[in-house]
PDB file of N, CA and C in Angstrom:
ATOM      1  N   MET A   1       0.839  -1.175   0.000  1.00  0.00           N
ATOM      2  CA  MET A   1       0.000   0.000   0.000  1.00  0.00           C
ATOM      3  C   MET A   1       0.891   1.248   0.000  1.00  0.00           C
ATOM      4  N   THR A   2       0.624   2.156  -0.881  1.00  0.00           N
ATOM      5  CA  THR A   2       1.421   3.378  -0.967  1.00  0.00           C
ATOM      6  C   THR A   2       0.710   4.516  -0.272  1.00  0.00           C
ATOM      7  N   ARG A   3       1.503   5.435   0.186  1.00  0.00           N
ATOM      8  CA  ARG A   3       0.951   6.592   0.886  1.00  0.00           C
ATOM      9  C   ARG A   3       0.757   7.728  -0.107  1.00  0.00           C
ATOM     10  N   ALA A   4      -0.408   8.334  -0.052  1.00  0.00           N
ATOM     11  CA  ALA A   4      -0.684   9.482  -0.917  1.00  0.00           C
ATOM     12  C   ALA A   4      -0.334  10.757  -0.142  1.00  0.00           C
ATOM     13  N   TRP A   5       0.640  11.490  -0.647  1.00  0.00           N
ATOM     14  CA  TRP A   5       1.051  12.720   0.014  1.00  0.00           C
ATOM     15  C   TRP A   5       0.108  13.853  -0.371  1.00  0.00           C
ATOM     16  N   LYS A   6      -0.295  14.610   0.624  1.00  0.00           N
ATOM     17  CA  LYS A   6      -1.183  15.735   0.361  1.00  0.00           C
ATOM     18  C   LYS A   6      -0.325  16.965   0.074  1.00  0.00           C
ATOM     19  N   ARG A   7      -0.591  17.598  -1.019  1.00  0.00           N
ATOM     20  CA  ARG A   7       0.161  18.777  -1.426  1.00  0.00           C
ATOM     21  C   ARG A   7      -0.313  19.979  -0.627  1.00  0.00           C
ATOM     22  N   ARG A   8       0.614  20.738  -0.054  1.00  0.00           N
ATOM     23  CA  ARG A   8       0.284  21.937   0.724  1.00  0.00           C
ATOM     24  C   ARG A   8       0.588  23.169  -0.113  1.00  0.00           C
ATOM     25  N   SER A   9      -0.251  24.168   0.005  1.00  0.00           N
ATOM     26  CA  SER A   9       0.014  25.384  -0.758  1.00  0.00           C
ATOM     27  C   SER A   9       1.139  26.166  -0.092  1.00  0.00           C
ATOM     28  N   GLU A  10       1.929  26.821  -0.896  1.00  0.00           N
ATOM     29  CA  GLU A  10       3.046  27.608  -0.393  1.00  0.00           C
ATOM     30  C   GLU A  10       2.558  28.737   0.509  1.00  0.00           C
ATOM     31  N   VAL A  11       1.401  29.293   0.187  1.00  0.00           N
ATOM     32  CA  VAL A  11       0.838  30.380   0.991  1.00  0.00           C
ATOM     33  C   VAL A  11       0.500  29.887   2.396  1.00  0.00           C
ATOM     34  N   ASP A  12      -0.106  28.687   2.500  1.00  0.00           N
ATOM     35  CA  ASP A  12      -0.445  28.129   3.810  1.00  0.00           C
ATOM     36  C   ASP A  12       0.810  27.807   4.617  1.00  0.00           C
ATOM     37  N   LEU A  13       1.820  27.247   3.946  1.00  0.00           N
ATOM     38  CA  LEU A  13       3.073  26.939   4.634  1.00  0.00           C
ATOM     39  C   LEU A  13       3.760  28.212   5.127  1.00  0.00           C
ATOM     40  N   GLN A  14       3.734  29.255   4.311  1.00  0.00           N
ATOM     41  CA  GLN A  14       4.349  30.513   4.717  1.00  0.00           C
ATOM     42  C   GLN A  14       3.616  31.127   5.905  1.00  0.00           C
ATOM     43  N   ALA A  15       2.286  31.022   5.911  1.00  0.00           N
ATOM     44  CA  ALA A  15       1.505  31.557   7.025  1.00  0.00           C
ATOM     45  C   ALA A  15       1.820  30.806   8.315  1.00  0.00           C
ATOM     46  N   ALA A  16       1.904  29.487   8.229  1.00  0.00           N
ATOM     47  CA  ALA A  16       2.235  28.679   9.404  1.00  0.00           C
ATOM     48  C   ALA A  16       3.649  28.978   9.879  1.00  0.00           C
ATOM     49  N   ALA A  17       4.590  29.098   8.940  1.00  0.00           N
ATOM     50  CA  ALA A  17       5.974  29.392   9.298  1.00  0.00           C
ATOM     51  C   ALA A  17       6.096  30.770   9.936  1.00  0.00           C
ATOM     52  N   LYS A  18       5.380  31.736   9.404  1.00  0.00           N
ATOM     53  CA  LYS A  18       5.418  33.091   9.963  1.00  0.00           C
ATOM     54  C   LYS A  18       4.910  33.096  11.408  1.00  0.00           C
ATOM     55  N   ALA A  19       3.863  32.324  11.677  1.00  0.00           N
ATOM     56  CA  ALA A  19       3.327  32.236  13.035  1.00  0.00           C
ATOM     57  C   ALA A  19       4.340  31.581  13.977  1.00  0.00           C
ATOM     58  N   VAL A  20       4.982  30.513  13.529  1.00  0.00           N
ATOM     59  CA  VAL A  20       5.956  29.807  14.363  1.00  0.00           C
ATOM     60  C   VAL A  20       7.169  30.691  14.630  1.00  0.00           C
ATOM     61  N   ILE A  21       7.639  31.390  13.618  1.00  0.00           N
ATOM     62  CA  ILE A  21       8.790  32.276  13.788  1.00  0.00           C
ATOM     63  C   ILE A  21       8.457  33.397  14.768  1.00  0.00           C
ATOM     64  N   ALA A  22       7.201  33.818  14.794  1.00  0.00           N
ATOM     65  CA  ALA A  22       6.779  34.878  15.709  1.00  0.00           C
ATOM     66  C   ALA A  22       6.642  34.387  17.144  1.00  0.00           C
ATOM     67  N   GLY A  23       6.691  33.051  17.358  1.00  0.00           N
ATOM     68  CA  GLY A  23       6.642  32.543  18.721  1.00  0.00           C
ATOM     69  C   GLY A  23       5.523  31.572  19.029  1.00  0.00           C
ATOM     70  N   VAL A  24       4.687  31.255  18.052  1.00  0.00           N
ATOM     71  CA  VAL A  24       3.607  30.292  18.252  1.00  0.00           C
ATOM     72  C   VAL A  24       4.213  28.893  18.228  1.00  0.00           C
ATOM     73  N   SER A  25       3.708  27.976  19.033  1.00  0.00           N
ATOM     74  CA  SER A  25       4.238  26.614  19.027  1.00  0.00           C
ATOM     75  C   SER A  25       3.828  25.914  17.731  1.00  0.00           C
ATOM     76  N   TYR A  26       4.554  24.841  17.409  1.00  0.00           N
ATOM     77  CA  TYR A  26       4.233  24.077  16.203  1.00  0.00           C
ATOM     78  C   TYR A  26       2.823  23.500  16.300  1.00  0.00           C
ATOM     79  N   ARG A  27       2.449  23.024  17.471  1.00  0.00           N
ATOM     80  CA  ARG A  27       1.108  22.447  17.648  1.00  0.00           C
ATOM     81  C   ARG A  27       0.018  23.494  17.454  1.00  0.00           C
ATOM     82  N   ASP A  28       0.242  24.692  18.000  1.00  0.00           N
ATOM     83  CA  ASP A  28      -0.748  25.751  17.840  1.00  0.00           C
ATOM     84  C   ASP A  28      -0.831  26.212  16.384  1.00  0.00           C
ATOM     85  N   ALA A  29       0.311  26.226  15.688  1.00  0.00           N
ATOM     86  CA  ALA A  29       0.297  26.576  14.261  1.00  0.00           C
ATOM     87  C   ALA A  29      -0.481  25.533  13.473  1.00  0.00           C
ATOM     88  N   GLU A  30      -0.355  24.267  13.864  1.00  0.00           N
ATOM     89  CA  GLU A  30      -1.120  23.209  13.200  1.00  0.00           C
ATOM     90  C   GLU A  30      -2.618  23.422  13.409  1.00  0.00           C
ATOM     91  N   LYS A  31      -3.003  23.792  14.632  1.00  0.00           N
ATOM     92  CA  LYS A  31      -4.420  24.042  14.913  1.00  0.00           C
ATOM     93  C   LYS A  31      -4.941  25.238  14.111  1.00  0.00           C
ATOM     94  N   MET A  32      -4.091  26.246  13.945  1.00  0.00           N
ATOM     95  CA  MET A  32      -4.515  27.459  13.229  1.00  0.00           C
ATOM     96  C   MET A  32      -4.622  27.242  11.731  1.00  0.00           C
ATOM     97  N   THR A  33      -3.681  26.487  11.150  1.00  0.00           N
ATOM     98  CA  THR A  33      -3.613  26.385   9.694  1.00  0.00           C
ATOM     99  C   THR A  33      -4.052  25.038   9.130  1.00  0.00           C
ATOM    100  N   GLY A  34      -4.068  24.008   9.965  1.00  0.00           N
ATOM    101  CA  GLY A  34      -4.432  22.682   9.481  1.00  0.00           C
ATOM    102  C   GLY A  34      -3.267  21.928   8.855  1.00  0.00           C
ATOM    103  N   ILE A  35      -2.087  22.524   8.866  1.00  0.00           N
ATOM    104  CA  ILE A  35      -0.898  21.869   8.327  1.00  0.00           C
ATOM    105  C   ILE A  35      -0.204  21.142   9.479  1.00  0.00           C
ATOM    106  N   PRO A  36       0.132  19.864   9.316  1.00  0.00           N
ATOM    107  CA  PRO A  36       0.760  19.112  10.402  1.00  0.00           C
ATOM    108  C   PRO A  36       2.019  19.801  10.932  1.00  0.00           C
ATOM    109  N   CYS A  37       2.220  19.702  12.242  1.00  0.00           N
ATOM    110  CA  CYS A  37       3.367  20.380  12.858  1.00  0.00           C
ATOM    111  C   CYS A  37       4.686  19.855  12.302  1.00  0.00           C
ATOM    112  N   SER A  38       4.751  18.574  11.945  1.00  0.00           N
ATOM    113  CA  SER A  38       5.990  18.027  11.380  1.00  0.00           C
ATOM    114  C   SER A  38       6.297  18.665  10.024  1.00  0.00           C
ATOM    115  N   THR A  39       5.271  18.963   9.252  1.00  0.00           N
ATOM    116  CA  THR A  39       5.461  19.602   7.950  1.00  0.00           C
ATOM    117  C   THR A  39       5.957  21.033   8.136  1.00  0.00           C
ATOM    118  N   VAL A  40       5.380  21.733   9.087  1.00  0.00           N
ATOM    119  CA  VAL A  40       5.795  23.119   9.357  1.00  0.00           C
ATOM    120  C   VAL A  40       7.239  23.139   9.840  1.00  0.00           C
ATOM    121  N   ARG A  41       7.586  22.203  10.733  1.00  0.00           N
ATOM    122  CA  ARG A  41       8.944  22.145  11.257  1.00  0.00           C
ATOM    123  C   ARG A  41       9.938  21.864  10.127  1.00  0.00           C
ATOM    124  N   LYS A  42       9.623  20.919   9.276  1.00  0.00           N
ATOM    125  CA  LYS A  42      10.505  20.588   8.151  1.00  0.00           C
ATOM    126  C   LYS A  42      10.666  21.791   7.221  1.00  0.00           C
ATOM    127  N   TYR A  43       9.586  22.519   6.979  1.00  0.00           N
ATOM    128  CA  TYR A  43       9.618  23.704   6.121  1.00  0.00           C
ATOM    129  C   TYR A  43      10.584  24.742   6.708  1.00  0.00           C
ATOM    130  N   ILE A  44      10.510  24.948   8.023  1.00  0.00           N
ATOM    131  CA  ILE A  44      11.355  25.949   8.678  1.00  0.00           C
ATOM    132  C   ILE A  44      12.815  25.508   8.685  1.00  0.00           C
ATOM    133  N   VAL A  45      13.061  24.246   9.025  1.00  0.00           N
ATOM    134  CA  VAL A  45      14.437  23.737   9.071  1.00  0.00           C
ATOM    135  C   VAL A  45      15.070  23.733   7.687  1.00  0.00           C
ATOM    136  N   ASP A  46      14.342  23.293   6.675  1.00  0.00           N
ATOM    137  CA  ASP A  46      14.881  23.230   5.307  1.00  0.00           C
ATOM    138  C   ASP A  46      15.290  24.598   4.785  1.00  0.00           C
ATOM    139  N   ARG A  47      14.623  25.633   5.230  1.00  0.00           N
ATOM    140  CA  ARG A  47      14.921  26.984   4.755  1.00  0.00           C
ATOM    141  C   ARG A  47      15.864  27.745   5.673  1.00  0.00           C
ATOM    142  N   GLY A  48      16.256  27.129   6.784  1.00  0.00           N
ATOM    143  CA  GLY A  48      17.206  27.759   7.705  1.00  0.00           C
ATOM    144  C   GLY A  48      16.624  28.945   8.452  1.00  0.00           C
ATOM    145  N   LEU A  49      15.323  28.952   8.628  1.00  0.00           N
ATOM    146  CA  LEU A  49      14.680  30.056   9.336  1.00  0.00           C
ATOM    147  C   LEU A  49      14.924  29.914  10.837  1.00  0.00           C
ATOM    148  N   VAL A  50      14.980  31.032  11.535  1.00  0.00           N
ATOM    149  CA  VAL A  50      15.239  31.036  12.967  1.00  0.00           C
ATOM    150  C   VAL A  50      13.930  31.300  13.701  1.00  0.00           C
ATOM    151  N   ARG A  51      13.675  30.468  14.661  1.00  0.00           N
ATOM    152  CA  ARG A  51      12.422  30.524  15.413  1.00  0.00           C
ATOM    153  C   ARG A  51      12.615  31.253  16.733  1.00  0.00           C
ATOM    154  N   ALA A  52      11.660  32.111  17.105  1.00  0.00           N
ATOM    155  CA  ALA A  52      11.691  32.757  18.413  1.00  0.00           C
ATOM    156  C   ALA A  52      11.481  31.690  19.473  1.00  0.00           C
ATOM    157  N   SER A  53      12.062  31.887  20.645  1.00  0.00           N
ATOM    158  CA  SER A  53      11.904  30.880  21.687  1.00  0.00           C
ATOM    159  C   SER A  53      10.460  30.852  22.170  1.00  0.00           C
ATOM    160  N   VAL A  54      10.012  29.670  22.483  1.00  0.00           N
ATOM    161  CA  VAL A  54       8.649  29.466  22.958  1.00  0.00           C
ATOM    162  C   VAL A  54       8.734  28.917  24.372  1.00  0.00           C
ATOM    163  N   PRO A  55       8.018  29.510  25.328  1.00  0.00           N
ATOM    164  CA  PRO A  55       8.075  28.986  26.689  1.00  0.00           C
ATOM    165  C   PRO A  55       7.603  27.534  26.732  1.00  0.00           C
ATOM    166  N   ARG A  56       8.280  26.733  27.531  1.00  0.00           N
ATOM    167  CA  ARG A  56       7.887  25.337  27.676  1.00  0.00           C
ATOM    168  C   ARG A  56       6.605  25.229  28.481  1.00  0.00           C
ATOM    169  N   ARG A  57       5.856  24.197  28.164  1.00  0.00           N
ATOM    170  CA  ARG A  57       4.652  23.931  28.939  1.00  0.00           C
ATOM    171  C   ARG A  57       5.055  23.317  30.265  1.00  0.00           C
ATOM    172  N   GLY A  58       4.187  23.423  31.243  1.00  0.00           N
ATOM    173  CA  GLY A  58       4.470  22.795  32.531  1.00  0.00           C
ATOM    174  C   GLY A  58       4.784  23.827  33.604  1.00  0.00           C
ATOM    175  N   PRO A  59       5.159  23.349  34.770  1.00  0.00           N
ATOM    176  CA  PRO A  59       5.395  24.269  35.881  1.00  0.00           C
ATOM    177  C   PRO A  59       6.614  25.150  35.635  1.00  0.00           C
ATOM    178  N   LYS A  60       6.546  26.344  36.157  1.00  0.00           N
ATOM    179  CA  LYS A  60       7.635  27.299  35.999  1.00  0.00           C
ATOM    180  C   LYS A  60       8.692  27.038  37.072  1.00  0.00           C
ATOM    181  N   GLY A  61       9.897  27.495  36.830  1.00  0.00           N
ATOM    182  CA  GLY A  61      10.978  27.322  37.786  1.00  0.00           C
ATOM    183  C   GLY A  61      10.830  28.264  38.974  1.00  0.00           C
ATOM    184  N   ILE A  62      11.704  28.081  39.929  1.00  0.00           N
ATOM    185  CA  ILE A  62      11.712  28.920  41.124  1.00  0.00           C
ATOM    186  C   ILE A  62      12.549  30.156  40.825  1.00  0.00           C
ATOM    187  N   ASP A  63      12.038  31.324  41.199  1.00  0.00           N
ATOM    188  CA  ASP A  63      12.810  32.539  40.924  1.00  0.00           C
ATOM    189  C   ASP A  63      14.019  32.611  41.859  1.00  0.00           C
ATOM    190  N   ARG A  64      15.005  33.345  41.440  1.00  0.00           N
ATOM    191  CA  ARG A  64      16.290  33.414  42.136  1.00  0.00           C
ATOM    192  C   ARG A  64      16.156  33.923  43.567  1.00  0.00           C
ATOM    193  N   ALA A  65      15.320  34.930  43.813  1.00  0.00           N
ATOM    194  CA  ALA A  65      15.170  35.496  45.157  1.00  0.00           C
ATOM    195  C   ALA A  65      14.609  34.460  46.131  1.00  0.00           C
ATOM    196  N   THR A  66      13.630  33.682  45.684  1.00  0.00           N
ATOM    197  CA  THR A  66      13.039  32.661  46.549  1.00  0.00           C
ATOM    198  C   THR A  66      14.050  31.571  46.853  1.00  0.00           C
ATOM    199  N   LEU A  67      14.787  31.132  45.853  1.00  0.00           N
ATOM    200  CA  LEU A  67      15.797  30.104  46.055  1.00  0.00           C
ATOM    201  C   LEU A  67      16.903  30.604  46.982  1.00  0.00           C
ATOM    202  N   THR A  68      17.318  31.853  46.814  1.00  0.00           N
ATOM    203  CA  THR A  68      18.341  32.439  47.678  1.00  0.00           C
ATOM    204  C   THR A  68      17.865  32.466  49.123  1.00  0.00           C
ATOM    205  N   GLN A  69      16.598  32.822  49.330  1.00  0.00           N
ATOM    206  CA  GLN A  69      16.023  32.853  50.681  1.00  0.00           C
ATOM    207  C   GLN A  69      16.103  31.467  51.321  1.00  0.00           C
ATOM    208  N   ALA A  70      15.737  30.438  50.579  1.00  0.00           N
ATOM    209  CA  ALA A  70      15.770  29.074  51.108  1.00  0.00           C
ATOM    210  C   ALA A  70      17.207  28.635  51.390  1.00  0.00           C
ATOM    211  N   LEU A  71      18.131  28.951  50.502  1.00  0.00           N
ATOM    212  CA  LEU A  71      19.527  28.555  50.699  1.00  0.00           C
ATOM    213  C   LEU A  71      20.160  29.270  51.889  1.00  0.00           C
ATOM    214  N   GLU A  72      19.803  30.534  52.091  1.00  0.00           N
ATOM    215  CA  GLU A  72      20.317  31.262  53.251  1.00  0.00           C
ATOM    216  C   GLU A  72      19.788  30.664  54.547  1.00  0.00           C
ATOM    217  N   ALA A  73      18.524  30.214  54.533  1.00  0.00           N
ATOM    218  CA  ALA A  73      17.959  29.579  55.721  1.00  0.00           C
ATOM    219  C   ALA A  73      18.688  28.271  56.032  1.00  0.00           C
ATOM    220  N   VAL A  74      19.010  27.493  54.992  1.00  0.00           N
ATOM    221  CA  VAL A  74      19.766  26.248  55.186  1.00  0.00           C
ATOM    222  C   VAL A  74      21.159  26.560  55.719  1.00  0.00           C
ATOM    223  N   ALA A  75      21.793  27.594  55.165  1.00  0.00           N
ATOM    224  CA  ALA A  75      23.125  27.982  55.631  1.00  0.00           C
ATOM    225  C   ALA A  75      23.090  28.442  57.083  1.00  0.00           C
ATOM    226  N   GLY A  76      21.945  28.990  57.503  1.00  0.00           N
ATOM    227  CA  GLY A  76      21.782  29.442  58.882  1.00  0.00           C
ATOM    228  C   GLY A  76      21.440  28.327  59.854  1.00  0.00           C
ATOM    229  N   GLY A  77      21.300  27.093  59.359  1.00  0.00           N
ATOM    230  CA  GLY A  77      21.062  25.967  60.248  1.00  0.00           C
ATOM    231  C   GLY A  77      19.675  25.354  60.166  1.00  0.00           C
ATOM    232  N   ALA A  78      18.789  25.895  59.364  1.00  0.00           N
ATOM    233  CA  ALA A  78      17.440  25.333  59.237  1.00  0.00           C
ATOM    234  C   ALA A  78      17.503  24.026  58.446  1.00  0.00           C
ATOM    235  N   SER A  79      16.563  23.139  58.710  1.00  0.00           N
ATOM    236  CA  SER A  79      16.493  21.916  57.911  1.00  0.00           C
ATOM    237  C   SER A  79      16.034  22.273  56.506  1.00  0.00           C
ATOM    238  N   HIS A  80      16.293  21.378  55.584  1.00  0.00           N
ATOM    239  CA  HIS A  80      15.908  21.648  54.195  1.00  0.00           C
ATOM    240  C   HIS A  80      14.398  21.799  54.067  1.00  0.00           C
ATOM    241  N   ARG A  81      13.667  20.941  54.727  1.00  0.00           N
ATOM    242  CA  ARG A  81      12.205  21.021  54.655  1.00  0.00           C
ATOM    243  C   ARG A  81      11.680  22.321  55.266  1.00  0.00           C
ATOM    244  N   ALA A  82      12.257  22.733  56.407  1.00  0.00           N
ATOM    245  CA  ALA A  82      11.825  23.974  57.056  1.00  0.00           C
ATOM    246  C   ALA A  82      12.161  25.184  56.188  1.00  0.00           C
ATOM    247  N   ALA A  83      13.334  25.171  55.576  1.00  0.00           N
ATOM    248  CA  ALA A  83      13.735  26.283  54.709  1.00  0.00           C
ATOM    249  C   ALA A  83      12.830  26.375  53.492  1.00  0.00           C
ATOM    250  N   ALA A  84      12.508  25.230  52.899  1.00  0.00           N
ATOM    251  CA  ALA A  84      11.634  25.217  51.729  1.00  0.00           C
ATOM    252  C   ALA A  84      10.243  25.712  52.109  1.00  0.00           C
ATOM    253  N   LYS A  85       9.742  25.281  53.262  1.00  0.00           N
ATOM    254  CA  LYS A  85       8.412  25.707  53.709  1.00  0.00           C
ATOM    255  C   LYS A  85       8.382  27.216  53.962  1.00  0.00           C
ATOM    256  N   ALA A  86       9.431  27.745  54.597  1.00  0.00           N
ATOM    257  CA  ALA A  86       9.498  29.181  54.888  1.00  0.00           C
ATOM    258  C   ALA A  86       9.564  30.009  53.607  1.00  0.00           C
ATOM    259  N   ALA A  87      10.215  29.468  52.573  1.00  0.00           N
ATOM    260  CA  ALA A  87      10.340  30.191  51.303  1.00  0.00           C
ATOM    261  C   ALA A  87       9.107  30.000  50.427  1.00  0.00           C
ATOM    262  N   GLY A  88       8.212  29.080  50.825  1.00  0.00           N
ATOM    263  CA  GLY A  88       7.004  28.853  50.033  1.00  0.00           C
ATOM    264  C   GLY A  88       7.219  27.931  48.856  1.00  0.00           C
ATOM    265  N   ILE A  89       8.239  27.085  48.936  1.00  0.00           N
ATOM    266  CA  ILE A  89       8.496  26.122  47.871  1.00  0.00           C
ATOM    267  C   ILE A  89       8.467  24.728  48.471  1.00  0.00           C
ATOM    268  N   GLY A  90       8.409  23.731  47.629  1.00  0.00           N
ATOM    269  CA  GLY A  90       8.385  22.354  48.110  1.00  0.00           C
ATOM    270  C   GLY A  90       9.689  21.650  47.819  1.00  0.00           C
ATOM    271  N   VAL A  91       9.915  20.564  48.531  1.00  0.00           N
ATOM    272  CA  VAL A  91      11.053  19.705  48.255  1.00  0.00           C
ATOM    273  C   VAL A  91      10.527  18.643  47.312  1.00  0.00           C
ATOM    274  N   ILE A  92      11.052  18.601  46.085  1.00  0.00           N
ATOM    275  CA  ILE A  92      10.505  17.744  45.045  1.00  0.00           C
ATOM    276  C   ILE A  92      11.254  16.422  44.993  1.00  0.00           C
ATOM    277  N   HIS A  93      10.520  15.328  44.971  1.00  0.00           N
ATOM    278  CA  HIS A  93      11.077  13.985  44.816  1.00  0.00           C
ATOM    279  C   HIS A  93      12.168  13.685  45.830  1.00  0.00           C
ATOM    280  N   GLY A  94      12.052  14.247  47.025  1.00  0.00           N
ATOM    281  CA  GLY A  94      13.021  13.954  48.062  1.00  0.00           C
ATOM    282  C   GLY A  94      14.365  14.626  47.874  1.00  0.00           C
ATOM    283  N   ARG A  95      14.503  15.445  46.840  1.00  0.00           N
ATOM    284  CA  ARG A  95      15.773  16.133  46.594  1.00  0.00           C
ATOM    285  C   ARG A  95      15.767  17.456  47.326  1.00  0.00           C
ATOM    286  N   GLU A  96      16.874  17.787  47.897  1.00  0.00           N
ATOM    287  CA  GLU A  96      16.991  19.010  48.677  1.00  0.00           C
ATOM    288  C   GLU A  96      17.633  20.105  47.832  1.00  0.00           C
ATOM    289  N   PRO A  97      17.278  21.374  48.073  1.00  0.00           N
ATOM    290  CA  PRO A  97      17.930  22.459  47.339  1.00  0.00           C
ATOM    291  C   PRO A  97      19.403  22.526  47.728  1.00  0.00           C
ATOM    292  N   ARG A  98      20.265  22.750  46.743  1.00  0.00           N
ATOM    293  CA  ARG A  98      21.692  22.828  47.012  1.00  0.00           C
ATOM    294  C   ARG A  98      22.247  24.137  46.500  1.00  0.00           C
ATOM    295  N   ALA A  99      23.238  24.634  47.194  1.00  0.00           N
ATOM    296  CA  ALA A  99      23.934  25.828  46.731  1.00  0.00           C
ATOM    297  C   ALA A  99      24.981  25.402  45.721  1.00  0.00           C
ATOM    298  N   GLY A 100      25.290  26.281  44.811  1.00  0.00           N
ATOM    299  CA  GLY A 100      26.288  25.970  43.806  1.00  0.00           C
ATOM    300  C   GLY A 100      27.162  27.174  43.546  1.00  0.00           C
ATOM    301  N   PRO A 101      27.994  27.109  42.533  1.00  0.00           N
ATOM    302  CA  PRO A 101      28.901  28.210  42.234  1.00  0.00           C
ATOM    303  C   PRO A 101      28.186  29.536  41.995  1.00  0.00           C
ATOM    304  N   ALA A 102      26.934  29.480  41.498  1.00  0.00           N
ATOM    305  CA  ALA A 102      26.196  30.713  41.231  1.00  0.00           C
ATOM    306  C   ALA A 102      25.833  31.436  42.528  1.00  0.00           C
ATOM    307  N   PHE A 103      25.902  30.739  43.657  1.00  0.00           N
ATOM    308  CA  PHE A 103      25.508  31.340  44.933  1.00  0.00           C
ATOM    309  C   PHE A 103      26.704  31.580  45.848  1.00  0.00           C
ATOM    310  N   GLY A 104      27.893  31.693  45.265  1.00  0.00           N
ATOM    311  CA  GLY A 104      29.054  32.089  46.045  1.00  0.00           C
ATOM    312  C   GLY A 104      29.791  30.968  46.739  1.00  0.00           C
ATOM    313  N   ASP A 105      29.481  29.725  46.483  1.00  0.00           N
ATOM    314  CA  ASP A 105      30.171  28.631  47.138  1.00  0.00           C
ATOM    315  C   ASP A 105      31.496  28.319  46.470  1.00  0.00           C
ATOM    316  N   GLY A 106      31.641  28.709  45.234  1.00  0.00           N
ATOM    317  CA  GLY A 106      32.881  28.457  44.521  1.00  0.00           C
ATOM    318  C   GLY A 106      33.088  26.980  44.215  1.00  0.00           C
ATOM    319  N   LEU A 107      34.134  26.695  43.499  1.00  0.00           N
ATOM    320  CA  LEU A 107      34.442  25.297  43.164  1.00  0.00           C
ATOM    321  C   LEU A 107      35.605  24.803  43.956  1.00  0.00           C
TER     322      LEU A 107
END
């Protein structure tokens, strides 16, 4: 059995590519134009176009001030759980927040 490829118009591909370059995700461009996200991605990669960064889905990271507050509490002798609770963050998967070179500990 052979696969029949559906021909896409250049205008539709350009519209989808323009949306993706402006920052729309490939999936959202597919919903807007009806062109599969894999086709849009291939179109952009083949032409060497540069895409604006798109925020990842899912939970956001902890901001630097909150993390610094928790790390200072740990440095002051608080337990990791108490420091995380005081800063309003959780201890995820049993892993504790750690200080690193970005927080003045050096290597």
